[in-house]
C-alpha atoms as a PDB file:
ATOM      1  CA  UNK A   1     -76.069 -41.103 -56.496  1.00  0.00           C
ATOM      2  CA  UNK A   2     -73.009 -42.483 -54.758  1.00  0.00           C
ATOM      3  CA  UNK A   3     -70.308 -40.073 -53.716  1.00  0.00           C
ATOM      4  CA  UNK A   4     -67.449 -39.806 -51.256  1.00  0.00           C
ATOM      5  CA  UNK A   5     -66.303 -36.741 -49.297  1.00  0.00           C
ATOM      6  CA  UNK A   6     -62.752 -36.616 -47.960  1.00  0.00           C
ATOM      7  CA  UNK A   7     -60.135 -34.114 -46.834  1.00  0.00           C
ATOM      8  CA  UNK A   8     -57.561 -32.901 -49.338  1.00  0.00           C
ATOM      9  CA  UNK A   9     -54.366 -33.103 -47.299  1.00  0.00           C
ATOM     10  CA  UNK A  10     -52.145 -31.151 -49.701  1.00  0.00           C
ATOM     11  CA  UNK A  11     -53.178 -27.598 -50.589  1.00  0.00           C
ATOM     12  CA  UNK A  12     -51.243 -27.970 -53.837  1.00  0.00           C
ATOM     13  CA  UNK A  13     -53.889 -30.504 -54.907  1.00  0.00           C
ATOM     14  CA  UNK A  14     -56.945 -28.295 -54.357  1.00  0.00           C
ATOM     15  CA  UNK A  15     -59.161 -28.043 -57.453  1.00  0.00           C
ATOM     16  CA  UNK A  16     -58.728 -24.359 -58.268  1.00  0.00           C
ATOM     17  CA  UNK A  17     -61.185 -24.585 -61.191  1.00  0.00           C
ATOM     18  CA  UNK A  18     -63.907 -25.639 -58.740  1.00  0.00           C
ATOM     19  CA  UNK A  19     -62.980 -23.057 -56.118  1.00  0.00           C
ATOM     20  CA  UNK A  20     -63.191 -20.349 -58.787  1.00  0.00           C
ATOM     21  CA  UNK A  21     -66.888 -21.168 -59.315  1.00  0.00           C
ATOM     22  CA  UNK A  22     -67.695 -19.744 -55.873  1.00  0.00           C
ATOM     23  CA  UNK A  23     -64.851 -17.226 -55.595  1.00  0.00           C
ATOM     24  CA  UNK A  24     -63.874 -15.922 -59.043  1.00  0.00           C
ATOM     25  CA  UNK A  25     -60.501 -14.349 -58.181  1.00  0.00           C
ATOM     26  CA  UNK A  26     -57.577 -16.676 -57.570  1.00  0.00           C
ATOM     27  CA  UNK A  27     -55.792 -14.101 -55.399  1.00  0.00           C
ATOM     28  CA  UNK A  28     -58.720 -14.176 -52.948  1.00  0.00           C
ATOM     29  CA  UNK A  29     -58.575 -17.978 -52.759  1.00  0.00           C
ATOM     30  CA  UNK A  30     -54.806 -17.849 -52.254  1.00  0.00           C
ATOM     31  CA  UNK A  31     -55.348 -15.496 -49.310  1.00  0.00           C
ATOM     32  CA  UNK A  32     -57.077 -18.228 -47.281  1.00  0.00           C
ATOM     33  CA  UNK A  33     -56.474 -21.664 -48.804  1.00  0.00           C
ATOM     34  CA  UNK A  34     -53.110 -22.348 -47.106  1.00  0.00           C
ATOM     35  CA  UNK A  35     -54.620 -21.627 -43.663  1.00  0.00           C
ATOM     36  CA  UNK A  36     -57.719 -23.750 -44.291  1.00  0.00           C
ATOM     37  CA  UNK A  37     -58.912 -27.332 -44.472  1.00  0.00           C
ATOM     38  CA  UNK A  38     -60.262 -28.376 -47.857  1.00  0.00           C
ATOM     39  CA  UNK A  39     -62.732 -31.219 -48.466  1.00  0.00           C
ATOM     40  CA  UNK A  40     -63.543 -32.796 -51.821  1.00  0.00           C
ATOM     41  CA  UNK A  41     -66.623 -34.604 -53.122  1.00  0.00           C
ATOM     42  CA  UNK A  42     -65.877 -37.414 -55.553  1.00  0.00           C
ATOM     43  CA  UNK A  43     -68.248 -39.301 -57.870  1.00  0.00           C
ATOM     44  CA  UNK A  44     -67.134 -41.909 -60.436  1.00  0.00           C
ATOM     45  CA  UNK A  45     -63.458 -40.994 -59.854  1.00  0.00           C
ATOM     46  CA  UNK A  46     -64.174 -37.329 -60.640  1.00  0.00           C
ATOM     47  CA  UNK A  47     -63.942 -34.435 -58.188  1.00  0.00           C
ATOM     48  CA  UNK A  48     -67.355 -32.786 -58.418  1.00  0.00           C
ATOM     49  CA  UNK A  49     -67.479 -30.647 -55.286  1.00  0.00           C
ATOM     50  CA  UNK A  50     -65.397 -28.786 -52.740  1.00  0.00           C
ATOM     51  CA  UNK A  51     -65.711 -26.859 -49.515  1.00  0.00           C
ATOM     52  CA  UNK A  52     -63.137 -24.997 -47.449  1.00  0.00           C
ATOM     53  CA  UNK A  53     -63.196 -24.431 -43.675  1.00  0.00           C
ATOM     54  CA  UNK A  54     -61.145 -21.692 -42.005  1.00  0.00           C
ATOM     55  CA  UNK A  55     -60.938 -21.208 -38.236  1.00  0.00           C
ATOM     56  CA  UNK A  56     -61.567 -17.498 -37.684  1.00  0.00           C
ATOM     57  CA  UNK A  57     -61.968 -17.151 -33.903  1.00  0.00           C
ATOM     58  CA  UNK A  58     -61.985 -19.518 -30.937  1.00  0.00           C
ATOM     59  CA  UNK A  59     -64.822 -22.024 -31.437  1.00  0.00           C
ATOM     60  CA  UNK A  60     -65.764 -20.447 -34.804  1.00  0.00           C
ATOM     61  CA  UNK A  61     -65.128 -21.663 -38.330  1.00  0.00           C
ATOM     62  CA  UNK A  62     -66.127 -20.086 -41.627  1.00  0.00           C
ATOM     63  CA  UNK A  63     -67.063 -21.897 -44.811  1.00  0.00           C
ATOM     64  CA  UNK A  64     -64.892 -19.833 -47.125  1.00  0.00           C
ATOM     65  CA  UNK A  65     -65.850 -21.622 -50.324  1.00  0.00           C
ATOM     66  CA  UNK A  66     -68.371 -24.254 -51.346  1.00  0.00           C
ATOM     67  CA  UNK A  67     -68.914 -25.272 -54.957  1.00  0.00           C
ATOM     68  CA  UNK A  68     -70.083 -28.024 -57.284  1.00  0.00           C
ATOM     69  CA  UNK A  69     -69.298 -28.560 -60.937  1.00  0.00           C
ATOM     70  CA  UNK A  70     -72.023 -27.042 -63.083  1.00  0.00           C
ATOM     71  CA  UNK A  71     -73.240 -30.438 -64.314  1.00  0.00           C
ATOM     72  CA  UNK A  72     -73.813 -31.609 -60.715  1.00  0.00           C
ATOM     73  CA  UNK A  73     -75.728 -28.544 -59.551  1.00  0.00           C
ATOM     74  CA  UNK A  74     -79.460 -28.851 -58.959  1.00  0.00           C
ATOM     75  CA  UNK A  75     -79.301 -32.504 -57.817  1.00  0.00           C
ATOM     76  CA  UNK A  76     -79.311 -31.967 -54.045  1.00  0.00           C
ATOM     77  CA  UNK A  77     -75.544 -32.410 -53.761  1.00  0.00           C
ATOM     78  CA  UNK A  78     -74.954 -28.838 -52.601  1.00  0.00           C
ATOM     79  CA  UNK A  79     -77.119 -29.499 -49.566  1.00  0.00           C
ATOM     80  CA  UNK A  80     -75.257 -32.773 -48.889  1.00  0.00           C
ATOM     81  CA  UNK A  81     -71.922 -30.947 -49.164  1.00  0.00           C
ATOM     82  CA  UNK A  82     -73.107 -28.159 -46.849  1.00  0.00           C
ATOM     83  CA  UNK A  83     -74.479 -30.604 -44.278  1.00  0.00           C
ATOM     84  CA  UNK A  84     -71.165 -32.492 -44.386  1.00  0.00           C
ATOM     85  CA  UNK A  85     -69.345 -29.213 -43.708  1.00  0.00           C
ATOM     86  CA  UNK A  86     -71.573 -28.588 -40.687  1.00  0.00           C
ATOM     87  CA  UNK A  87     -71.007 -32.099 -39.346  1.00  0.00           C
ATOM     88  CA  UNK A  88     -67.246 -31.800 -39.909  1.00  0.00           C
ATOM     89  CA  UNK A  89     -67.193 -28.484 -38.027  1.00  0.00           C
ATOM     90  CA  UNK A  90     -69.146 -30.084 -35.172  1.00  0.00           C
ATOM     91  CA  UNK A  91     -66.717 -33.039 -35.088  1.00  0.00           C
ATOM     92  CA  UNK A  92     -63.761 -30.623 -34.924  1.00  0.00           C
ATOM     93  CA  UNK A  93     -65.350 -29.040 -31.842  1.00  0.00           C
ATOM     94  CA  UNK A  94     -66.506 -25.742 -33.325  1.00  0.00           C
ATOM     95  CA  UNK A  95     -69.598 -24.141 -31.804  1.00  0.00           C
ATOM     96  CA  UNK A  96     -70.373 -21.618 -34.564  1.00  0.00           C
ATOM     97  CA  UNK A  97     -70.213 -21.855 -38.353  1.00  0.00           C
ATOM     98  CA  UNK A  98     -70.298 -18.715 -40.486  1.00  0.00           C
ATOM     99  CA  UNK A  99     -70.680 -18.211 -44.211  1.00  0.00           C
ATOM    100  CA  UNK A 100     -70.924 -15.208 -46.519  1.00  0.00           C
ATOM    101  CA  UNK A 101     -72.382 -14.801 -49.983  1.00  0.00           C
ATOM    102  CA  UNK A 102     -73.259 -12.082 -52.429  1.00  0.00           C
ATOM    103  CA  UNK A 103     -76.544 -10.328 -51.774  1.00  0.00           C
ATOM    104  CA  UNK A 104     -77.771 -11.298 -55.266  1.00  0.00           C
ATOM    105  CA  UNK A 105     -77.233 -15.058 -54.715  1.00  0.00           C
ATOM    106  CA  UNK A 106     -80.836 -16.043 -54.094  1.00  0.00           C
ATOM    107  CA  UNK A 107     -80.295 -19.809 -54.498  1.00  0.00           C
ATOM    108  CA  UNK A 108     -77.349 -19.768 -52.076  1.00  0.00           C
ATOM    109  CA  UNK A 109     -79.257 -17.693 -49.522  1.00  0.00           C
ATOM    110  CA  UNK A 110     -82.167 -20.132 -49.758  1.00  0.00           C
ATOM    111  CA  UNK A 111     -79.901 -23.181 -49.304  1.00  0.00           C
ATOM    112  CA  UNK A 112     -78.013 -21.711 -46.357  1.00  0.00           C
ATOM    113  CA  UNK A 113     -81.237 -20.812 -44.552  1.00  0.00           C
ATOM    114  CA  UNK A 114     -82.745 -24.219 -45.386  1.00  0.00           C
ATOM    115  CA  UNK A 115     -79.730 -25.776 -43.637  1.00  0.00           C
ATOM    116  CA  UNK A 116     -80.201 -23.693 -40.499  1.00  0.00           C
ATOM    117  CA  UNK A 117     -78.142 -20.550 -41.093  1.00  0.00           C
ATOM    118  CA  UNK A 118     -79.525 -17.171 -40.015  1.00  0.00           C
ATOM    119  CA  UNK A 119     -78.642 -13.802 -41.495  1.00  0.00           C
ATOM    120  CA  UNK A 120     -76.523 -11.807 -39.066  1.00  0.00           C
ATOM    121  CA  UNK A 121     -75.307  -8.869 -41.117  1.00  0.00           C
ATOM    122  CA  UNK A 122     -74.369  -7.229 -44.380  1.00  0.00           C
ATOM    123  CA  UNK A 123     -70.897  -6.047 -45.382  1.00  0.00           C
ATOM    124  CA  UNK A 124     -71.740  -3.085 -47.589  1.00  0.00           C
ATOM    125  CA  UNK A 125     -69.622  -2.767 -50.761  1.00  0.00           C
ATOM    126  CA  UNK A 126     -67.545  -5.863 -49.836  1.00  0.00           C
ATOM    127  CA  UNK A 127     -67.234  -7.007 -53.454  1.00  0.00           C
ATOM    128  CA  UNK A 128     -66.405  -3.501 -54.700  1.00  0.00           C
ATOM    129  CA  UNK A 129     -63.566  -3.202 -52.164  1.00  0.00           C
ATOM    130  CA  UNK A 130     -62.121  -6.719 -52.472  1.00  0.00           C
ATOM    131  CA  UNK A 131     -62.398  -7.734 -56.139  1.00  0.00           C
ATOM    132  CA  UNK A 132     -60.618  -6.184 -59.092  1.00  0.00           C
ATOM    133  CA  UNK A 133     -63.325  -7.046 -61.609  1.00  0.00           C
ATOM    134  CA  UNK A 134     -67.048  -6.328 -61.365  1.00  0.00           C
ATOM    135  CA  UNK A 135     -69.009  -9.473 -60.477  1.00  0.00           C
ATOM    136  CA  UNK A 136     -72.558 -10.196 -61.632  1.00  0.00           C
ATOM    137  CA  UNK A 137     -75.131 -12.742 -60.544  1.00  0.00           C
ATOM    138  CA  UNK A 138     -78.752 -13.069 -61.634  1.00  0.00           C
ATOM    139  CA  UNK A 139     -78.236 -10.042 -63.870  1.00  0.00           C
ATOM    140  CA  UNK A 140     -77.211  -7.743 -61.017  1.00  0.00           C
ATOM    141  CA  UNK A 141     -73.819  -6.415 -59.988  1.00  0.00           C
ATOM    142  CA  UNK A 142     -72.779  -7.947 -56.690  1.00  0.00           C
ATOM    143  CA  UNK A 143     -71.841  -5.211 -54.236  1.00  0.00           C
ATOM    144  CA  UNK A 144     -72.683  -6.410 -50.734  1.00  0.00           C
ATOM    145  CA  UNK A 145     -71.936  -9.608 -48.820  1.00  0.00           C
ATOM    146  CA  UNK A 146     -74.662 -11.158 -46.687  1.00  0.00           C
ATOM    147  CA  UNK A 147     -73.194 -12.791 -43.564  1.00  0.00           C
ATOM    148  CA  UNK A 148     -74.929 -15.839 -42.086  1.00  0.00           C
ATOM    149  CA  UNK A 149     -74.216 -17.865 -38.960  1.00  0.00           C
ATOM    150  CA  UNK A 150     -75.308 -21.087 -37.306  1.00  0.00           C
ATOM    151  CA  UNK A 151     -74.779 -22.289 -33.756  1.00  0.00           C
ATOM    152  CA  UNK A 152     -74.023 -26.004 -33.691  1.00  0.00           C
END
């Protein structure tokens, strides 16, 4: 499958519908999107994927959001998008990449570890404290965030 990944230069053009797949509250996305760099994956003139990088500390960047349209999931594109994010971070001179996900997100945890991330911690009750609505994944309420990190 042919695709192109490029930076979205204007935060007004970010695909909110895609970002909401990975982060279901717009207010949370708004809290970081204007301080971040957003990259889009395009296939057949359609935006099918997105990831967002946010510098958090010297030499460290966090993948704040990574998502694919539902019809493009399960085709290996998530791994390509994640590997592109890692290469972009390396090219920008970052030494560490971090990412967080709900503790119930087994497919995400598998993908992140497959791509070289290691679990470094758990933020207990993160989703209870930071989201207005209860979130569910794989039939379970998401309460805790698993933090992962990779040294480039």
